[in-house]
Amino acid sequence: MSEGTEPTGEMRAAVIELLGVLAYGEITAFERLAEDAKMAPTVEDKAALAAMAVAEFQHFTLLRDRIAALGADPARAMDPFIAPLDEFHVHTAPADWLEGLVKAYVGDGIAADFYREVAAHLDEVSRDLIVEVQRDTGHSAFVVEAVRAAIERDPKVAGRLALWGRRLMGEALSQAQRVAAERDVLSTMLIGGGAGPGFDLAEIGRMFNRITEAHQQRMAALGLAS
């Protein structure tokens, strides 16, 4: 697709679906962070989570507006992804404050890496928007500091959080594969065909290697074994 050209046909449908899953992911991230703030041990921690939640909602509004600009109904675009994303969050509900922080940093990071990879094949406007809404808002430093401080106070929590991080990785990848498999338009965009050039098998392998490496780096930043 030429730079600056709006998507048409099957590619437009694929872009709308991708923006739909992203938009619903952002609105649920907002809800999740607001809920997790209730477990925060201090007012400062509550404020930090609230700021993260606000950033997620701002991202949601940008995605919603882009879907509307493409001539689609944002609610309808998000609807197919409500059940699978809600199911993912049920399966990965944090047991405490620290698990919530790790999920916000590691779990959301895995999703961000995947969507940035896919965005390389989209029109310029949609690509730039996805890169923008998946960019680190600067709050990751707070998470890293909080988790490392908790491990320093009680080294035993490191093992539990490392297992949690590995579980998040597995659940996130499984959920992404499940969503793509159930949505023909997204599958076609990923592997090529009428909705665009897609990835060849070797490129898909390299993509998941990069996502895995980024996950390992995030775990290391938290002081956890991946």
C-alpha atoms as a PDB file:
ATOM      1  CA  MET A   1       0.000   0.000   0.000  1.00  0.00           C
ATOM      2  CA  SER A   2       1.336   3.439  -0.919  1.00  0.00           C
ATOM      3  CA  GLU A   3       2.311   5.838   1.822  1.00  0.00           C
ATOM      4  CA  GLY A   4      -0.677   7.989   2.801  1.00  0.00           C
ATOM      5  CA  THR A   5      -3.194   5.854   0.895  1.00  0.00           C
ATOM      6  CA  GLU A   6      -6.319   4.913   2.829  1.00  0.00           C
ATOM      7  CA  PRO A   7      -7.062   1.171   2.925  1.00  0.00           C
ATOM      8  CA  THR A   8      -9.830  -0.223   0.732  1.00  0.00           C
ATOM      9  CA  GLY A   9     -11.633  -3.530   0.316  1.00  0.00           C
ATOM     10  CA  GLU A  10     -10.363  -6.460   2.355  1.00  0.00           C
ATOM     11  CA  MET A  11      -7.438  -4.443   3.683  1.00  0.00           C
ATOM     12  CA  ARG A  12      -9.833  -1.821   5.064  1.00  0.00           C
ATOM     13  CA  ALA A  13     -11.847  -4.578   6.757  1.00  0.00           C
ATOM     14  CA  ALA A  14      -8.651  -6.021   8.258  1.00  0.00           C
ATOM     15  CA  VAL A  15      -7.496  -2.632   9.526  1.00  0.00           C
ATOM     16  CA  ILE A  16     -10.891  -1.998  11.134  1.00  0.00           C
ATOM     17  CA  GLU A  17     -10.772  -5.394  12.866  1.00  0.00           C
ATOM     18  CA  LEU A  18      -7.240  -4.760  14.128  1.00  0.00           C
ATOM     19  CA  LEU A  19      -8.207  -1.315  15.407  1.00  0.00           C
ATOM     20  CA  GLY A  20     -11.303  -2.875  16.969  1.00  0.00           C
ATOM     21  CA  VAL A  21      -9.351  -5.399  19.016  1.00  0.00           C
ATOM     22  CA  LEU A  22      -6.878  -2.696  20.009  1.00  0.00           C
ATOM     23  CA  ALA A  23      -9.625  -0.297  21.054  1.00  0.00           C
ATOM     24  CA  TYR A  24     -11.333  -2.891  23.217  1.00  0.00           C
ATOM     25  CA  GLY A  25      -7.952  -3.831  24.672  1.00  0.00           C
ATOM     26  CA  GLU A  26      -7.371  -0.215  25.649  1.00  0.00           C
ATOM     27  CA  ILE A  27     -10.762   0.277  27.279  1.00  0.00           C
ATOM     28  CA  THR A  28     -10.345  -2.931  29.288  1.00  0.00           C
ATOM     29  CA  ALA A  29      -6.821  -1.851  30.271  1.00  0.00           C
ATOM     30  CA  PHE A  30      -8.318   1.386  31.582  1.00  0.00           C
ATOM     31  CA  GLU A  31     -10.884  -0.549  33.619  1.00  0.00           C
ATOM     32  CA  ARG A  32      -8.282  -3.041  34.873  1.00  0.00           C
ATOM     33  CA  LEU A  33      -5.806  -0.408  36.018  1.00  0.00           C
ATOM     34  CA  ALA A  34      -8.540   1.559  37.772  1.00  0.00           C
ATOM     35  CA  GLU A  35      -9.580  -1.642  39.568  1.00  0.00           C
ATOM     36  CA  ASP A  36      -5.975  -2.562  40.427  1.00  0.00           C
ATOM     37  CA  ALA A  37      -5.489   0.881  41.963  1.00  0.00           C
ATOM     38  CA  LYS A  38      -7.777  -0.263  44.780  1.00  0.00           C
ATOM     39  CA  MET A  39      -5.047  -2.724  45.859  1.00  0.00           C
ATOM     40  CA  ALA A  40      -2.336  -0.047  45.896  1.00  0.00           C
ATOM     41  CA  PRO A  41      -0.550   0.185  49.258  1.00  0.00           C
ATOM     42  CA  THR A  42      -0.114   3.986  49.207  1.00  0.00           C
ATOM     43  CA  VAL A  43      -1.853   7.050  47.837  1.00  0.00           C
ATOM     44  CA  GLU A  44       1.163   7.687  45.588  1.00  0.00           C
ATOM     45  CA  ASP A  45       0.784   4.203  44.119  1.00  0.00           C
ATOM     46  CA  LYS A  46      -2.931   4.788  43.554  1.00  0.00           C
ATOM     47  CA  ALA A  47      -2.126   8.015  41.718  1.00  0.00           C
ATOM     48  CA  ALA A  48       0.452   6.264  39.518  1.00  0.00           C
ATOM     49  CA  LEU A  49      -2.053   3.584  38.497  1.00  0.00           C
ATOM     50  CA  ALA A  50      -4.695   6.242  37.878  1.00  0.00           C
ATOM     51  CA  ALA A  51      -2.307   8.078  35.544  1.00  0.00           C
ATOM     52  CA  MET A  52      -1.677   4.842  33.645  1.00  0.00           C
ATOM     53  CA  ALA A  53      -5.435   4.288  33.363  1.00  0.00           C
ATOM     54  CA  VAL A  54      -5.959   7.801  31.985  1.00  0.00           C
ATOM     55  CA  ALA A  55      -3.302   7.175  29.319  1.00  0.00           C
ATOM     56  CA  GLU A  56      -5.049   3.973  28.267  1.00  0.00           C
ATOM     57  CA  PHE A  57      -8.380   5.775  27.923  1.00  0.00           C
ATOM     58  CA  GLN A  58      -6.771   8.465  25.798  1.00  0.00           C
ATOM     59  CA  HIS A  59      -5.414   5.741  23.531  1.00  0.00           C
ATOM     60  CA  PHE A  60      -8.900   4.248  23.300  1.00  0.00           C
ATOM     61  CA  THR A  61     -10.382   7.540  22.102  1.00  0.00           C
ATOM     62  CA  LEU A  62      -7.736   7.852  19.359  1.00  0.00           C
ATOM     63  CA  LEU A  63      -8.472   4.331  18.109  1.00  0.00           C
ATOM     64  CA  ARG A  64     -12.228   4.869  18.299  1.00  0.00           C
ATOM     65  CA  ASP A  65     -11.932   8.046  16.260  1.00  0.00           C
ATOM     66  CA  ARG A  66      -9.779   6.317  13.623  1.00  0.00           C
ATOM     67  CA  ILE A  67     -12.345   3.524  13.245  1.00  0.00           C
ATOM     68  CA  ALA A  68     -15.055   6.136  12.748  1.00  0.00           C
ATOM     69  CA  ALA A  69     -12.876   7.986  10.218  1.00  0.00           C
ATOM     70  CA  LEU A  70     -12.703   4.765   8.186  1.00  0.00           C
ATOM     71  CA  GLY A  71     -16.494   4.777   8.038  1.00  0.00           C
ATOM     72  CA  ALA A  72     -17.100   1.991  10.547  1.00  0.00           C
ATOM     73  CA  ASP A  73     -19.043   1.825  13.801  1.00  0.00           C
ATOM     74  CA  PRO A  74     -16.489   1.585  16.664  1.00  0.00           C
ATOM     75  CA  ALA A  75     -18.831  -0.444  18.902  1.00  0.00           C
ATOM     76  CA  ARG A  76     -19.475  -2.952  16.124  1.00  0.00           C
ATOM     77  CA  ALA A  77     -15.744  -3.151  15.358  1.00  0.00           C
ATOM     78  CA  MET A  78     -14.982  -3.997  18.992  1.00  0.00           C
ATOM     79  CA  ASP A  79     -17.859  -6.428  19.509  1.00  0.00           C
ATOM     80  CA  PRO A  80     -16.187  -9.638  18.149  1.00  0.00           C
ATOM     81  CA  PHE A  81     -13.321  -9.216  20.611  1.00  0.00           C
ATOM     82  CA  ILE A  82     -15.262  -8.650  23.813  1.00  0.00           C
ATOM     83  CA  ALA A  83     -15.628 -12.329  24.721  1.00  0.00           C
ATOM     84  CA  PRO A  84     -12.046 -13.483  23.960  1.00  0.00           C
ATOM     85  CA  LEU A  85     -10.394 -10.509  25.670  1.00  0.00           C
ATOM     86  CA  ASP A  86     -12.676 -10.711  28.685  1.00  0.00           C
ATOM     87  CA  GLU A  87     -11.872 -14.429  28.913  1.00  0.00           C
ATOM     88  CA  PHE A  88      -8.148 -13.666  28.807  1.00  0.00           C
ATOM     89  CA  HIS A  89      -8.472 -11.200  31.671  1.00  0.00           C
ATOM     90  CA  VAL A  90     -10.513 -13.667  33.731  1.00  0.00           C
ATOM     91  CA  HIS A  91      -7.769 -16.275  33.283  1.00  0.00           C
ATOM     92  CA  THR A  92      -5.056 -13.771  34.192  1.00  0.00           C
ATOM     93  CA  ALA A  93      -6.718 -11.900  37.044  1.00  0.00           C
ATOM     94  CA  PRO A  94      -3.929 -10.775  39.428  1.00  0.00           C
ATOM     95  CA  ALA A  95      -4.056 -12.084  42.974  1.00  0.00           C
ATOM     96  CA  ASP A  96      -2.459  -8.991  44.467  1.00  0.00           C
ATOM     97  CA  TRP A  97      -0.897  -5.604  43.804  1.00  0.00           C
ATOM     98  CA  LEU A  98       2.426  -6.976  42.564  1.00  0.00           C
ATOM     99  CA  GLU A  99       0.844  -9.405  40.112  1.00  0.00           C
ATOM    100  CA  GLY A 100      -1.240  -6.515  38.787  1.00  0.00           C
ATOM    101  CA  LEU A 101       1.906  -4.456  38.196  1.00  0.00           C
ATOM    102  CA  VAL A 102       3.648  -7.314  36.413  1.00  0.00           C
ATOM    103  CA  LYS A 103       0.608  -7.853  34.225  1.00  0.00           C
ATOM    104  CA  ALA A 104       0.450  -4.156  33.335  1.00  0.00           C
ATOM    105  CA  TYR A 105       4.136  -4.156  32.377  1.00  0.00           C
ATOM    106  CA  VAL A 106       4.790  -7.632  30.966  1.00  0.00           C
ATOM    107  CA  GLY A 107       1.367  -8.662  29.676  1.00  0.00           C
ATOM    108  CA  ASP A 108       0.579  -5.360  27.999  1.00  0.00           C
ATOM    109  CA  GLY A 109       4.138  -5.205  26.679  1.00  0.00           C
ATOM    110  CA  ILE A 110       3.735  -8.505  24.838  1.00  0.00           C
ATOM    111  CA  ALA A 111       0.540  -7.247  23.180  1.00  0.00           C
ATOM    112  CA  ALA A 112       2.182  -3.948  22.264  1.00  0.00           C
ATOM    113  CA  ASP A 113       5.114  -5.709  20.606  1.00  0.00           C
ATOM    114  CA  PHE A 114       2.771  -7.904  18.555  1.00  0.00           C
ATOM    115  CA  TYR A 115       0.622  -5.009  17.348  1.00  0.00           C
ATOM    116  CA  ARG A 116       3.659  -2.908  16.442  1.00  0.00           C
ATOM    117  CA  GLU A 117       4.953  -5.787  14.324  1.00  0.00           C
ATOM    118  CA  VAL A 118       1.636  -6.161  12.494  1.00  0.00           C
ATOM    119  CA  ALA A 119       1.330  -2.398  12.008  1.00  0.00           C
ATOM    120  CA  ALA A 120       4.323  -2.441   9.638  1.00  0.00           C
ATOM    121  CA  HIS A 121       1.979  -3.800   6.930  1.00  0.00           C
ATOM    122  CA  LEU A 122      -0.755  -1.176   7.341  1.00  0.00           C
ATOM    123  CA  ASP A 123      -1.484   2.192   5.755  1.00  0.00           C
ATOM    124  CA  GLU A 124       0.596   5.069   7.059  1.00  0.00           C
ATOM    125  CA  VAL A 125      -2.121   6.694   9.179  1.00  0.00           C
ATOM    126  CA  SER A 126      -3.168   3.455  10.897  1.00  0.00           C
ATOM    127  CA  ARG A 127       0.435   2.353  11.343  1.00  0.00           C
ATOM    128  CA  ASP A 128       1.490   5.611  12.970  1.00  0.00           C
ATOM    129  CA  LEU A 129      -1.561   5.539  15.249  1.00  0.00           C
ATOM    130  CA  ILE A 130      -0.855   1.988  16.429  1.00  0.00           C
ATOM    131  CA  VAL A 131       2.794   2.818  17.086  1.00  0.00           C
ATOM    132  CA  GLU A 132       1.660   5.887  19.038  1.00  0.00           C
ATOM    133  CA  VAL A 133      -0.883   4.119  21.255  1.00  0.00           C
ATOM    134  CA  GLN A 134       1.504   1.225  21.958  1.00  0.00           C
ATOM    135  CA  ARG A 135       4.388   3.522  22.898  1.00  0.00           C
ATOM    136  CA  ASP A 136       5.614   3.405  26.484  1.00  0.00           C
ATOM    137  CA  THR A 137       3.905   6.294  28.268  1.00  0.00           C
ATOM    138  CA  GLY A 138       6.769   6.540  30.744  1.00  0.00           C
ATOM    139  CA  HIS A 139       4.935   4.683  33.491  1.00  0.00           C
ATOM    140  CA  SER A 140       7.004   1.511  33.118  1.00  0.00           C
ATOM    141  CA  ALA A 141       9.735   3.041  35.297  1.00  0.00           C
ATOM    142  CA  PHE A 142       7.254   3.178  38.176  1.00  0.00           C
ATOM    143  CA  VAL A 143       6.394  -0.516  37.755  1.00  0.00           C
ATOM    144  CA  VAL A 144      10.033  -1.585  37.576  1.00  0.00           C
ATOM    145  CA  GLU A 145      10.921   0.412  40.671  1.00  0.00           C
ATOM    146  CA  ALA A 146       7.948  -0.907  42.652  1.00  0.00           C
ATOM    147  CA  VAL A 147       8.552  -4.570  41.776  1.00  0.00           C
ATOM    148  CA  ARG A 148      12.296  -4.380  42.413  1.00  0.00           C
ATOM    149  CA  ALA A 149      11.682  -2.698  45.769  1.00  0.00           C
ATOM    150  CA  ALA A 150       9.240  -5.463  46.737  1.00  0.00           C
ATOM    151  CA  ILE A 151      11.782  -8.152  45.812  1.00  0.00           C
ATOM    152  CA  GLU A 152      14.430  -6.375  47.860  1.00  0.00           C
ATOM    153  CA  ARG A 153      12.116  -6.352  50.880  1.00  0.00           C
ATOM    154  CA  ASP A 154      11.117  -9.991  50.403  1.00  0.00           C
ATOM    155  CA  PRO A 155      13.245 -11.993  47.921  1.00  0.00           C
ATOM    156  CA  LYS A 156      10.793 -14.896  48.066  1.00  0.00           C
ATOM    157  CA  VAL A 157       8.253 -13.026  45.945  1.00  0.00           C
ATOM    158  CA  ALA A 158      10.615 -13.154  42.963  1.00  0.00           C
ATOM    159  CA  GLY A 159       9.919 -16.830  42.286  1.00  0.00           C
ATOM    160  CA  ARG A 160       6.163 -16.365  42.368  1.00  0.00           C
ATOM    161  CA  LEU A 161       6.294 -13.320  40.106  1.00  0.00           C
ATOM    162  CA  ALA A 162       8.629 -15.066  37.655  1.00  0.00           C
ATOM    163  CA  LEU A 163       6.109 -17.912  37.309  1.00  0.00           C
ATOM    164  CA  TRP A 164       3.351 -15.327  36.849  1.00  0.00           C
ATOM    165  CA  GLY A 165       5.321 -13.597  34.102  1.00  0.00           C
ATOM    166  CA  ARG A 166       5.830 -16.869  32.241  1.00  0.00           C
ATOM    167  CA  ARG A 167       2.127 -17.649  32.543  1.00  0.00           C
ATOM    168  CA  LEU A 168       1.247 -14.229  31.119  1.00  0.00           C
ATOM    169  CA  MET A 169       3.538 -14.870  28.149  1.00  0.00           C
ATOM    170  CA  GLY A 170       1.865 -18.180  27.370  1.00  0.00           C
ATOM    171  CA  GLU A 171      -1.665 -16.858  27.831  1.00  0.00           C
ATOM    172  CA  ALA A 172      -1.009 -13.747  25.732  1.00  0.00           C
ATOM    173  CA  LEU A 173       0.404 -15.687  22.789  1.00  0.00           C
ATOM    174  CA  SER A 174      -2.382 -18.261  22.954  1.00  0.00           C
ATOM    175  CA  GLN A 175      -5.002 -15.532  23.050  1.00  0.00           C
ATOM    176  CA  ALA A 176      -3.470 -13.720  20.048  1.00  0.00           C
ATOM    177  CA  GLN A 177      -3.400 -16.944  18.036  1.00  0.00           C
ATOM    178  CA  ARG A 178      -6.988 -17.724  19.037  1.00  0.00           C
ATOM    179  CA  VAL A 179      -8.286 -14.312  17.977  1.00  0.00           C
ATOM    180  CA  ALA A 180      -6.444 -14.430  14.651  1.00  0.00           C
ATOM    181  CA  ALA A 181      -7.668 -17.963  13.929  1.00  0.00           C
ATOM    182  CA  GLU A 182     -11.280 -17.032  14.624  1.00  0.00           C
ATOM    183  CA  ARG A 183     -11.216 -13.902  12.447  1.00  0.00           C
ATOM    184  CA  ASP A 184     -10.625 -14.786   8.799  1.00  0.00           C
ATOM    185  CA  VAL A 185      -9.822 -11.199   7.817  1.00  0.00           C
ATOM    186  CA  LEU A 186      -7.085 -10.900  10.437  1.00  0.00           C
ATOM    187  CA  SER A 187      -5.652 -14.299   9.504  1.00  0.00           C
ATOM    188  CA  THR A 188      -5.478 -13.294   5.859  1.00  0.00           C
ATOM    189  CA  MET A 189      -3.733 -10.038   6.763  1.00  0.00           C
ATOM    190  CA  LEU A 190      -1.104 -11.940   8.753  1.00  0.00           C
ATOM    191  CA  ILE A 191      -0.354 -14.659   6.209  1.00  0.00           C
ATOM    192  CA  GLY A 192      -1.039 -12.670   3.044  1.00  0.00           C
ATOM    193  CA  GLY A 193      -3.718 -12.708   0.404  1.00  0.00           C
ATOM    194  CA  GLY A 194      -6.448 -10.310  -0.534  1.00  0.00           C
ATOM    195  CA  ALA A 195      -6.015  -8.196   2.595  1.00  0.00           C
ATOM    196  CA  GLY A 196      -2.361  -7.374   1.925  1.00  0.00           C
ATOM    197  CA  PRO A 197       1.148  -8.789   1.578  1.00  0.00           C
ATOM    198  CA  GLY A 198       1.240 -10.440   5.006  1.00  0.00           C
ATOM    199  CA  PHE A 199       4.191 -12.216   6.612  1.00  0.00           C
ATOM    200  CA  ASP A 200       5.932 -15.250   5.180  1.00  0.00           C
ATOM    201  CA  LEU A 201       6.562 -18.175   7.549  1.00  0.00           C
ATOM    202  CA  ALA A 202      10.192 -17.210   8.164  1.00  0.00           C
ATOM    203  CA  GLU A 203       9.154 -13.653   8.989  1.00  0.00           C
ATOM    204  CA  ILE A 204       6.504 -14.890  11.410  1.00  0.00           C
ATOM    205  CA  GLY A 205       9.179 -16.948  13.167  1.00  0.00           C
ATOM    206  CA  ARG A 206      11.488 -13.946  13.424  1.00  0.00           C
ATOM    207  CA  MET A 207       8.605 -11.809  14.688  1.00  0.00           C
ATOM    208  CA  PHE A 208       7.838 -14.177  17.554  1.00  0.00           C
ATOM    209  CA  ASN A 209      11.552 -14.426  18.352  1.00  0.00           C
ATOM    210  CA  ARG A 210      11.685 -10.646  18.690  1.00  0.00           C
ATOM    211  CA  ILE A 211       8.582 -10.656  20.899  1.00  0.00           C
ATOM    212  CA  THR A 212      10.115 -13.373  23.102  1.00  0.00           C
ATOM    213  CA  GLU A 213      13.391 -11.472  23.402  1.00  0.00           C
ATOM    214  CA  ALA A 214      11.570  -8.279  24.374  1.00  0.00           C
ATOM    215  CA  HIS A 215       9.638 -10.245  27.008  1.00  0.00           C
ATOM    216  CA  GLN A 216      12.879 -11.596  28.448  1.00  0.00           C
ATOM    217  CA  GLN A 217      14.288  -8.066  28.624  1.00  0.00           C
ATOM    218  CA  ARG A 218      11.229  -6.835  30.502  1.00  0.00           C
ATOM    219  CA  MET A 219      11.450  -9.707  32.963  1.00  0.00           C
ATOM    220  CA  ALA A 220      15.142  -8.946  33.513  1.00  0.00           C
ATOM    221  CA  ALA A 221      14.320  -5.264  34.100  1.00  0.00           C
ATOM    222  CA  LEU A 222      11.950  -6.373  36.878  1.00  0.00           C
ATOM    223  CA  GLY A 223      14.646  -8.565  38.381  1.00  0.00           C
ATOM    224  CA  LEU A 224      12.805 -11.763  37.410  1.00  0.00           C
ATOM    225  CA  ALA A 225      13.917 -14.877  35.592  1.00  0.00           C
ATOM    226  CA  SER A 226      12.097 -15.443  32.297  1.00  0.00           C
END
